[in-house]
Amino acid sequence: MKADVLLGLQWGDEGKGKIVDVLTPKYDYIARFQGGPNAGHTLEFNGIKHVLHTIPSGIFHDTTTNIIGNGVVIDPVILKREIDALVKMGVDVKKRLLISRRAHLILPTHSLLDKASEAAKGKEKIGSTLKGIGPTYMDKTGRNGLRVGDIESPDFKEKYNKLVAKHRELLRFHDADTDPSALEGAWFEGIETIKSLTRIDTEHFVNEALSSGKSVLAEGAQGSLLDIDFGTYPFVTSSNTMTAGACTGLGVAPRHIGNVLGIFKAYCTRVGSGPFPTELEDETGQRLRDVGREYGSTTGRPRRCGWLDIPALNYAIMINGVTELIMMKADVLSGLDTIRVCTAYKVNGVETKNFPYDICTAEIEPVYTDLPGWTEDLTGVTHAEDMPGALMEYISFIEKATGVPVSVVSVGPDRTQTLLRSAAWA
């Protein structure tokens, strides 16, 4: 067997949690491979909204096991909070969740460092969620980090104190709060929760599962345009959010990657700072925000909204090797007379269909194609063939522009509001 990968193709918030939840019954394992509690994967069913930050989105299905991979960074406080909420709902988390020993831990001082660093940037801040993600990955690459497996060591507290001492020196440099003691009680309670869970060597476990014919879906967080290498740097996250990140974040060789499912919204959104060529700072942008409930599930911040960007989408498809597209929030576009799609850029006056390296500093003007909108309410549509003609035309336009089939269309937040256009998912 090969592991399938599901990831976002924009700046995050594409709706990955919902689709993972919908597809989970077809897989034996769901595995998060990067990011941390800066993710907010929203699922809605039975009239209840659920937001997961660290735990994979397949946790609500009792026939599937969920894995937190080595590429994820874990805040024990947030993880415990998630687990406690799930247990209250009757979810058997201990049975359904496995954690990689190689996953790195977010310390209380990592969050303090994150806040101090962002404050020091002033107007040039990147819009961090202030969860300590960046500083944790910095310690990981700097070979200073603490990992889940370290909690099994008799000198774990000594390792913790040594890293905290280093952080406190850095915080003094920033003239910031250096005392994590008020946060440590809850943090060590979270460590005890992690000790109660099954910890595994993910690289062996996942490869053995694939070898024995088990199906695995690797769940990404954030979006491809936030990738540390290929995103809109420096306004990016601290991990590799693309398909290659699934290999390093789980220990799976490239030849063991199967289908790559790329999720995108029928329009674009972005949270925080950074370039956004098709952003709408007008009534239409506000309408998309209001109708689409575009407020961050992790931060609560209003999302910036704009038209679909084909050059950016094609770029994400290329670097990820996407084999199928999944379009989210088609229902939000209902009622618009005209829907615009960016099909090219004018970069410093020169037209191109490529996503530019200097997107943060270049003068970029979107080149638009206008398509007819539709008035029908999509939220009650239950079969793909019943979609309005204008929506089918919109989908056909995207498929032609990208060369990739749109196999799933979401027409509402609930798991039941999902139209399957491919027999493979029926």
Protein backbone atom coordinates (compact mmCIF):
# COMPACT_ATOMS: atom_id res chain seq x y z
CA MET A 1 0.00 0.00 0.00
CA LYS A 2 0.92 3.64 -0.43
CA ALA A 3 0.06 6.50 1.91
CA ASP A 4 -2.29 9.14 0.54
CA VAL A 5 -1.67 12.77 1.47
CA LEU A 6 -4.29 15.44 2.10
CA LEU A 7 -3.11 19.03 2.33
CA GLY A 8 -4.11 22.64 1.78
CA LEU A 9 -3.20 24.49 -1.41
CA GLN A 10 -3.67 28.06 -0.22
CA TRP A 11 -2.77 29.96 2.97
CA GLY A 12 -4.44 27.46 5.29
CA ASP A 13 -8.03 27.35 6.58
CA GLU A 14 -9.14 25.45 3.47
CA GLY A 15 -11.33 22.96 5.33
CA LYS A 16 -8.96 20.02 5.75
CA GLY A 17 -10.54 18.87 9.01
CA LYS A 18 -13.98 18.39 7.49
CA ILE A 19 -12.70 16.40 4.51
CA VAL A 20 -10.44 14.18 6.63
CA ASP A 21 -13.46 13.43 8.80
CA VAL A 22 -15.54 12.59 5.70
CA LEU A 23 -12.87 10.32 4.21
CA THR A 24 -11.71 8.66 7.45
CA PRO A 25 -13.96 5.56 7.10
CA LYS A 26 -11.91 4.59 4.03
CA TYR A 27 -8.61 4.53 5.99
CA ASP A 28 -7.10 2.47 8.79
CA TYR A 29 -4.84 5.30 10.00
CA ILE A 30 -4.98 9.10 9.93
CA ALA A 31 -1.57 10.70 10.63
CA ARG A 32 -0.76 14.37 11.24
CA PHE A 33 2.71 15.07 9.86
CA GLN A 34 3.65 18.69 10.68
CA GLY A 35 2.63 21.88 12.43
CA GLY A 36 1.22 22.13 15.91
CA PRO A 37 -1.54 23.89 17.83
CA ASN A 38 -1.34 26.79 15.37
CA ALA A 39 -3.61 24.55 13.29
CA GLY A 40 -7.37 24.71 13.73
CA HIS A 41 -9.17 21.88 11.95
CA THR A 42 -12.92 22.40 12.16
CA LEU A 43 -15.43 19.57 11.92
CA GLU A 44 -19.21 19.88 12.14
CA PHE A 45 -21.76 17.11 12.50
CA ASN A 46 -24.97 16.48 14.44
CA GLY A 47 -25.29 20.22 14.89
CA ILE A 48 -22.05 20.46 16.90
CA LYS A 49 -18.87 22.27 15.86
CA HIS A 50 -15.52 20.74 16.86
CA VAL A 51 -12.09 22.36 16.52
CA LEU A 52 -8.95 20.21 16.73
CA HIS A 53 -5.47 21.70 17.04
CA THR A 54 -3.10 18.75 17.45
CA ILE A 55 -5.14 15.56 17.28
CA PRO A 56 -5.83 14.20 13.76
CA SER A 57 -9.32 14.81 12.37
CA GLY A 58 -10.22 11.12 12.22
CA ILE A 59 -10.52 10.86 16.00
CA PHE A 60 -14.34 10.72 15.97
CA HIS A 61 -14.40 7.41 14.08
CA ASP A 62 -13.94 4.33 16.26
CA THR A 63 -12.66 2.11 13.42
CA THR A 64 -9.64 4.29 12.64
CA THR A 65 -6.43 4.87 14.59
CA ASN A 66 -4.95 8.38 14.68
CA ILE A 67 -1.24 9.20 14.81
CA ILE A 68 0.60 12.38 15.80
CA GLY A 69 3.76 12.13 13.72
CA ASN A 70 7.34 13.14 14.43
CA GLY A 71 7.02 16.33 12.36
CA VAL A 72 4.40 17.75 14.72
CA VAL A 73 5.26 20.00 17.67
CA ILE A 74 3.09 19.38 20.74
CA ASP A 75 1.98 21.72 23.50
CA PRO A 76 1.07 19.35 26.38
CA VAL A 77 -1.39 21.89 27.83
CA ILE A 78 -3.37 22.24 24.61
CA LEU A 79 -3.21 18.51 23.91
CA LYS A 80 -4.58 17.72 27.38
CA ARG A 81 -7.38 20.25 26.87
CA GLU A 82 -8.31 18.62 23.56
CA ILE A 83 -8.24 15.14 25.08
CA ASP A 84 -10.35 16.16 28.09
CA ALA A 85 -12.99 17.66 25.79
CA LEU A 86 -13.09 14.52 23.64
CA VAL A 87 -13.33 12.22 26.64
CA LYS A 88 -16.34 14.20 27.89
CA MET A 89 -17.98 13.44 24.54
CA GLY A 90 -17.36 9.74 25.01
CA VAL A 91 -14.40 9.44 22.62
CA ASP A 92 -11.97 6.69 23.63
CA VAL A 93 -8.83 8.74 22.99
CA LYS A 94 -6.40 6.27 24.58
CA LYS A 95 -7.60 3.57 22.20
CA ARG A 96 -7.61 5.72 19.07
CA LEU A 97 -4.50 7.94 19.46
CA LEU A 98 -0.78 7.18 19.09
CA ILE A 99 2.07 9.69 19.49
CA SER A 100 5.54 9.64 17.95
CA ARG A 101 8.43 9.65 20.39
CA ARG A 102 10.28 11.91 17.94
CA ALA A 103 7.68 14.72 18.08
CA HIS A 104 9.05 17.83 19.77
CA LEU A 105 7.53 19.45 22.84
CA ILE A 106 6.51 23.11 23.09
CA LEU A 107 7.67 24.49 26.44
CA PRO A 108 6.01 27.43 28.27
CA THR A 109 9.11 29.50 27.50
CA HIS A 110 8.67 28.82 23.77
CA SER A 111 5.41 30.75 23.89
CA LEU A 112 7.08 33.58 25.82
CA LEU A 113 9.82 33.72 23.19
CA ASP A 114 7.24 33.76 20.40
CA LYS A 115 5.45 36.75 21.94
CA ALA A 116 8.72 38.62 22.57
CA SER A 117 9.97 38.02 19.03
CA GLU A 118 6.71 39.13 17.42
CA ALA A 119 6.55 42.26 19.58
CA ALA A 120 10.12 43.16 18.60
CA LYS A 121 9.19 43.10 14.89
CA GLY A 122 6.69 45.92 15.33
CA LYS A 123 5.02 46.79 12.03
CA GLU A 124 6.96 43.99 10.32
CA LYS A 125 5.39 41.23 12.43
CA ILE A 126 4.38 38.12 10.47
CA GLY A 127 1.09 37.44 12.24
CA SER A 128 2.24 34.55 14.42
CA THR A 129 -0.40 32.68 16.44
CA LEU A 130 1.97 33.13 19.43
CA LYS A 131 1.71 29.43 20.30
CA GLY A 132 5.49 28.92 20.47
CA ILE A 133 5.63 27.02 17.19
CA GLY A 134 8.52 28.92 15.59
CA PRO A 135 10.81 28.85 18.64
CA THR A 136 10.16 25.12 19.06
CA TYR A 137 11.17 24.37 15.48
CA MET A 138 14.21 26.63 16.00
CA ASP A 139 15.27 24.49 18.94
CA LYS A 140 14.63 21.39 16.85
CA THR A 141 16.94 22.53 14.04
CA GLY A 142 19.38 23.93 16.60
CA ARG A 143 19.54 20.47 18.20
CA ASN A 144 18.39 21.73 21.58
CA GLY A 145 14.80 20.52 21.64
CA LEU A 146 12.93 18.21 23.98
CA ARG A 147 11.05 15.32 22.39
CA VAL A 148 8.15 13.18 23.56
CA GLY A 149 10.54 10.25 24.00
CA ASP A 150 12.55 12.29 26.52
CA ILE A 151 9.75 12.03 29.06
CA GLU A 152 10.74 8.36 29.42
CA SER A 153 14.24 9.42 30.51
CA PRO A 154 15.13 9.60 34.25
CA ASP A 155 16.84 12.96 33.67
CA PHE A 156 13.88 14.55 31.83
CA LYS A 157 13.45 17.33 34.42
CA GLU A 158 17.15 18.14 34.16
CA LYS A 159 16.86 18.43 30.37
CA TYR A 160 13.81 20.63 30.79
CA ASN A 161 15.54 22.98 33.25
CA LYS A 162 18.59 23.27 31.00
CA LEU A 163 16.50 24.35 28.02
CA VAL A 164 14.43 26.75 30.12
CA ALA A 165 17.63 28.38 31.41
CA LYS A 166 18.71 28.98 27.82
CA HIS A 167 15.32 30.47 26.98
CA ARG A 168 15.40 32.79 29.99
CA GLU A 169 18.69 34.26 28.80
CA LEU A 170 17.13 34.94 25.39
CA LEU A 171 14.09 36.52 27.02
CA ARG A 172 16.32 38.86 29.03
CA PHE A 173 17.79 40.02 25.73
CA HIS A 174 14.26 40.93 24.60
CA ASP A 175 13.58 42.62 27.96
CA ALA A 176 10.57 40.33 28.28
CA ASP A 177 8.95 38.15 30.96
CA THR A 178 11.46 35.42 31.84
CA ASP A 179 9.52 33.50 34.49
CA PRO A 180 7.52 30.50 33.25
CA SER A 181 6.65 29.23 36.74
CA ALA A 182 2.99 30.30 36.52
CA LEU A 183 2.63 28.14 33.40
CA GLU A 184 4.60 25.09 34.49
CA GLY A 185 1.94 23.41 36.64
CA ALA A 186 -0.46 22.96 33.74
CA TRP A 187 2.44 22.00 31.45
CA PHE A 188 3.58 19.12 33.66
CA GLU A 189 -0.03 17.97 34.03
CA GLY A 190 -0.05 17.75 30.24
CA ILE A 191 3.13 15.69 30.36
CA GLU A 192 1.38 13.21 32.65
CA THR A 193 -1.43 12.95 30.09
CA ILE A 194 1.11 12.18 27.37
CA LYS A 195 2.63 9.50 29.60
CA SER A 196 -0.79 7.82 29.74
CA LEU A 197 -0.94 7.54 25.93
CA THR A 198 0.71 4.99 23.66
CA ARG A 199 4.01 6.31 22.32
CA ILE A 200 5.47 4.76 19.19
CA ASP A 201 8.38 4.94 16.77
CA THR A 202 6.25 6.33 13.97
CA GLU A 203 8.65 5.56 11.15
CA HIS A 204 8.60 1.83 11.93
CA PHE A 205 4.90 1.74 12.74
CA VAL A 206 3.68 3.50 9.58
CA ASN A 207 5.95 1.55 7.23
CA GLU A 208 4.94 -1.74 8.81
CA ALA A 209 1.28 -0.75 8.44
CA LEU A 210 1.76 0.00 4.74
CA SER A 211 3.68 -3.25 4.23
CA SER A 212 0.82 -5.22 5.78
CA GLY A 213 -1.74 -3.65 3.43
CA LYS A 214 -3.18 -1.05 5.80
CA SER A 215 -4.39 2.28 4.39
CA VAL A 216 -2.91 5.55 5.66
CA LEU A 217 -3.99 9.15 5.09
CA ALA A 218 -1.40 11.78 5.99
CA GLU A 219 -3.13 14.94 7.20
CA GLY A 220 -1.40 18.26 6.65
CA ALA A 221 -1.87 21.49 8.58
CA GLN A 222 -1.72 25.13 7.42
CA GLY A 223 -1.36 25.45 3.61
CA SER A 224 1.19 25.10 0.81
CA LEU A 225 1.61 28.87 0.43
CA LEU A 226 2.76 28.95 4.06
CA ASP A 227 5.51 26.36 3.50
CA ILE A 228 8.82 27.44 5.04
CA ASP A 229 10.67 26.86 1.73
CA PHE A 230 8.11 27.50 -1.01
CA GLY A 231 5.56 29.78 0.64
CA THR A 232 5.33 33.58 0.66
CA TYR A 233 8.46 33.94 2.80
CA PRO A 234 8.92 35.42 5.39
CA PHE A 235 5.15 35.39 5.97
CA VAL A 236 5.07 31.62 6.38
CA THR A 237 4.87 28.96 9.07
CA SER A 238 7.88 27.09 10.48
CA SER A 239 7.39 23.68 8.85
CA ASN A 240 7.12 22.00 5.46
CA THR A 241 3.41 21.97 4.68
CA MET A 242 3.67 20.17 1.35
CA THR A 243 3.78 16.52 0.27
CA ALA A 244 7.50 16.25 0.98
CA GLY A 245 6.70 17.16 4.58
CA ALA A 246 4.64 14.00 4.87
CA CYS A 247 7.75 11.98 4.06
CA THR A 248 9.93 13.68 6.69
CA GLY A 249 7.08 14.14 9.16
CA LEU A 250 6.18 10.45 9.28
CA GLY A 251 9.27 8.64 8.00
CA VAL A 252 7.71 7.49 4.72
CA ALA A 253 9.83 7.21 1.56
CA PRO A 254 8.68 9.23 -1.51
CA ARG A 255 7.99 6.02 -3.46
CA HIS A 256 5.41 5.09 -0.81
CA ILE A 257 3.28 8.17 -1.44
CA GLY A 258 0.05 7.46 -3.34
CA ASN A 259 -2.70 9.96 -4.17
CA VAL A 260 -2.22 13.61 -3.22
CA LEU A 261 -5.52 15.30 -2.38
CA GLY A 262 -5.25 19.08 -2.62
CA ILE A 263 -7.90 21.18 -0.88
CA PHE A 264 -8.75 24.73 -1.90
CA LYS A 265 -11.57 27.16 -1.26
CA ALA A 266 -13.72 28.37 -4.14
CA TYR A 267 -12.17 31.75 -3.28
CA CYS A 268 -9.06 32.71 -1.27
CA THR A 269 -8.48 33.70 2.34
CA ARG A 270 -5.49 34.59 4.45
CA VAL A 271 -4.98 35.28 8.17
CA GLY A 272 -2.32 37.72 9.33
CA SER A 273 0.26 39.62 7.33
CA GLY A 274 1.75 38.83 3.93
CA PRO A 275 1.05 39.23 0.22
CA PHE A 276 -2.41 38.47 -1.16
CA PRO A 277 -2.70 39.48 -4.86
CA THR A 278 -6.48 38.95 -5.19
CA GLU A 279 -7.52 40.42 -1.83
CA LEU A 280 -10.84 42.27 -1.83
CA GLU A 281 -10.93 45.19 0.57
CA ASP A 282 -14.49 46.14 -0.34
CA GLU A 283 -18.10 45.06 0.18
CA THR A 284 -17.57 41.82 -1.74
CA GLY A 285 -14.64 40.87 0.48
CA GLN A 286 -16.70 41.60 3.58
CA ARG A 287 -19.58 39.56 2.15
CA LEU A 288 -17.30 36.55 1.66
CA ARG A 289 -16.06 36.98 5.24
CA ASP A 290 -19.55 37.19 6.71
CA VAL A 291 -21.24 34.46 4.66
CA GLY A 292 -18.22 32.15 4.92
CA ARG A 293 -17.75 32.79 8.65
CA GLU A 294 -14.16 33.62 7.89
CA TYR A 295 -12.67 34.03 11.33
CA GLY A 296 -9.66 32.03 12.48
CA SER A 297 -10.53 28.84 14.37
CA THR A 298 -7.28 29.14 16.36
CA THR A 299 -6.94 32.92 16.81
CA GLY A 300 -10.45 34.24 16.11
CA ARG A 301 -8.93 36.87 13.83
CA PRO A 302 -10.94 37.95 10.77
CA ARG A 303 -9.59 36.41 7.58
CA ARG A 304 -8.71 38.49 4.57
CA CYS A 305 -10.79 37.40 1.58
CA GLY A 306 -10.37 37.56 -2.20
CA TRP A 307 -10.99 35.85 -5.53
CA LEU A 308 -9.59 32.46 -6.53
CA ASP A 309 -5.96 32.71 -7.69
CA ILE A 310 -5.10 30.20 -10.44
CA PRO A 311 -1.34 31.01 -10.70
CA ALA A 312 -0.98 30.38 -6.95
CA LEU A 313 -3.16 27.26 -7.16
CA ASN A 314 -1.16 25.84 -10.07
CA TYR A 315 2.07 26.54 -8.19
CA ALA A 316 0.80 24.57 -5.18
CA ILE A 317 -0.39 21.75 -7.44
CA MET A 318 3.04 21.57 -9.06
CA ILE A 319 5.16 21.45 -5.91
CA ASN A 320 2.85 18.88 -4.28
CA GLY A 321 2.16 16.58 -7.23
CA VAL A 322 -1.59 16.90 -6.64
CA THR A 323 -3.67 14.14 -8.26
CA GLU A 324 -7.15 15.28 -7.15
CA LEU A 325 -8.68 18.60 -6.16
CA ILE A 326 -11.27 19.15 -3.44
CA MET A 327 -13.17 22.44 -3.60
CA MET A 328 -14.56 23.87 -0.38
CA LYS A 329 -17.20 26.52 0.39
CA ALA A 330 -18.82 26.64 -3.03
CA ASP A 331 -22.00 27.63 -1.16
CA VAL A 332 -20.42 30.92 -0.04
CA LEU A 333 -20.35 32.18 -3.65
CA SER A 334 -24.10 31.71 -4.12
CA GLY A 335 -25.87 34.97 -4.90
CA LEU A 336 -23.01 36.71 -6.70
CA ASP A 337 -23.89 37.88 -10.22
CA THR A 338 -20.28 37.59 -11.39
CA ILE A 339 -17.40 35.53 -10.04
CA ARG A 340 -13.88 36.63 -10.90
CA VAL A 341 -10.92 34.29 -11.26
CA CYS A 342 -7.30 35.47 -11.41
CA THR A 343 -5.69 33.63 -14.35
CA ALA A 344 -2.38 35.54 -14.58
CA TYR A 345 -0.37 38.31 -12.93
CA LYS A 346 1.20 41.46 -14.27
CA VAL A 347 4.46 41.59 -12.32
CA ASN A 348 6.07 45.01 -12.63
CA GLY A 349 4.03 45.42 -15.82
CA VAL A 350 4.99 42.05 -17.40
CA GLU A 351 2.27 39.39 -17.64
CA THR A 352 3.05 35.92 -16.32
CA LYS A 353 1.23 32.82 -15.16
CA ASN A 354 4.05 31.83 -12.81
CA PHE A 355 4.05 32.42 -9.07
CA PRO A 356 6.93 34.89 -8.55
CA TYR A 357 9.79 34.61 -6.09
CA ASP A 358 9.49 38.27 -5.11
CA ILE A 359 5.74 38.26 -4.50
CA CYS A 360 6.26 40.13 -1.22
CA THR A 361 7.97 43.13 -2.82
CA ALA A 362 6.99 43.17 -6.52
CA GLU A 363 4.16 45.25 -7.91
CA ILE A 364 1.55 42.63 -8.78
CA GLU A 365 -1.71 43.22 -10.65
CA PRO A 366 -4.13 40.29 -11.04
CA VAL A 367 -5.46 39.53 -14.53
CA TYR A 368 -9.08 38.39 -14.18
CA THR A 369 -11.55 36.28 -16.12
CA ASP A 370 -15.21 36.86 -15.27
CA LEU A 371 -17.62 33.94 -14.98
CA PRO A 372 -21.38 33.93 -14.36
CA GLY A 373 -22.49 33.37 -10.78
CA TRP A 374 -25.47 31.39 -9.50
CA THR A 375 -28.36 32.29 -7.22
CA GLU A 376 -29.29 28.82 -5.96
CA ASP A 377 -28.76 27.87 -2.30
CA LEU A 378 -26.34 24.94 -2.43
CA THR A 379 -26.54 23.85 1.20
CA GLY A 380 -29.36 21.41 0.51
CA VAL A 381 -27.89 19.84 -2.63
CA THR A 382 -27.15 16.17 -2.02
CA HIS A 383 -26.00 14.91 -5.46
CA ALA A 384 -23.26 16.36 -7.65
CA GLU A 385 -25.44 16.15 -10.77
CA ASP A 386 -27.92 18.55 -9.14
CA MET A 387 -25.46 21.42 -8.91
CA PRO A 388 -26.46 24.58 -10.83
CA GLY A 389 -25.10 24.88 -14.36
CA ALA A 390 -23.05 27.97 -13.50
CA LEU A 391 -21.29 26.10 -10.69
CA MET A 392 -20.54 23.20 -13.04
CA GLU A 393 -19.10 25.74 -15.48
CA TYR A 394 -16.98 27.22 -12.69
CA ILE A 395 -15.64 23.77 -11.79
CA SER A 396 -14.93 22.95 -15.46
CA PHE A 397 -13.03 26.23 -15.79
CA ILE A 398 -10.84 25.33 -12.81
CA GLU A 399 -10.23 21.80 -14.06
CA LYS A 400 -9.18 23.12 -17.48
CA ALA A 401 -6.93 25.78 -15.92
CA THR A 402 -5.20 23.32 -13.59
CA GLY A 403 -5.36 20.03 -15.50
CA VAL A 404 -6.51 18.26 -12.32
CA PRO A 405 -10.01 16.86 -11.66
CA VAL A 406 -12.19 18.28 -8.90
CA SER A 407 -13.38 15.08 -7.20
CA VAL A 408 -15.16 16.53 -4.16
CA VAL A 409 -17.21 19.72 -3.70
CA SER A 410 -18.25 21.00 -0.26
CA VAL A 411 -21.54 22.92 -0.06
CA GLY A 412 -21.75 23.52 3.69
CA PRO A 413 -19.91 22.98 6.99
CA ASP A 414 -21.58 19.70 7.98
CA ARG A 415 -19.97 16.39 6.99
CA THR A 416 -23.21 15.52 5.12
CA GLN A 417 -22.89 18.61 2.90
CA THR A 418 -20.26 17.00 0.71
CA LEU A 419 -20.73 16.13 -2.97
CA LEU A 420 -18.60 13.28 -4.32
CA ARG A 421 -17.84 13.61 -8.04
CA SER A 422 -15.53 10.58 -8.19
CA ALA A 423 -16.63 6.96 -7.93
CA ALA A 424 -13.50 6.29 -5.87
CA TRP A 425 -14.98 8.19 -2.91
CA ALA A 426 -18.59 7.06 -3.24
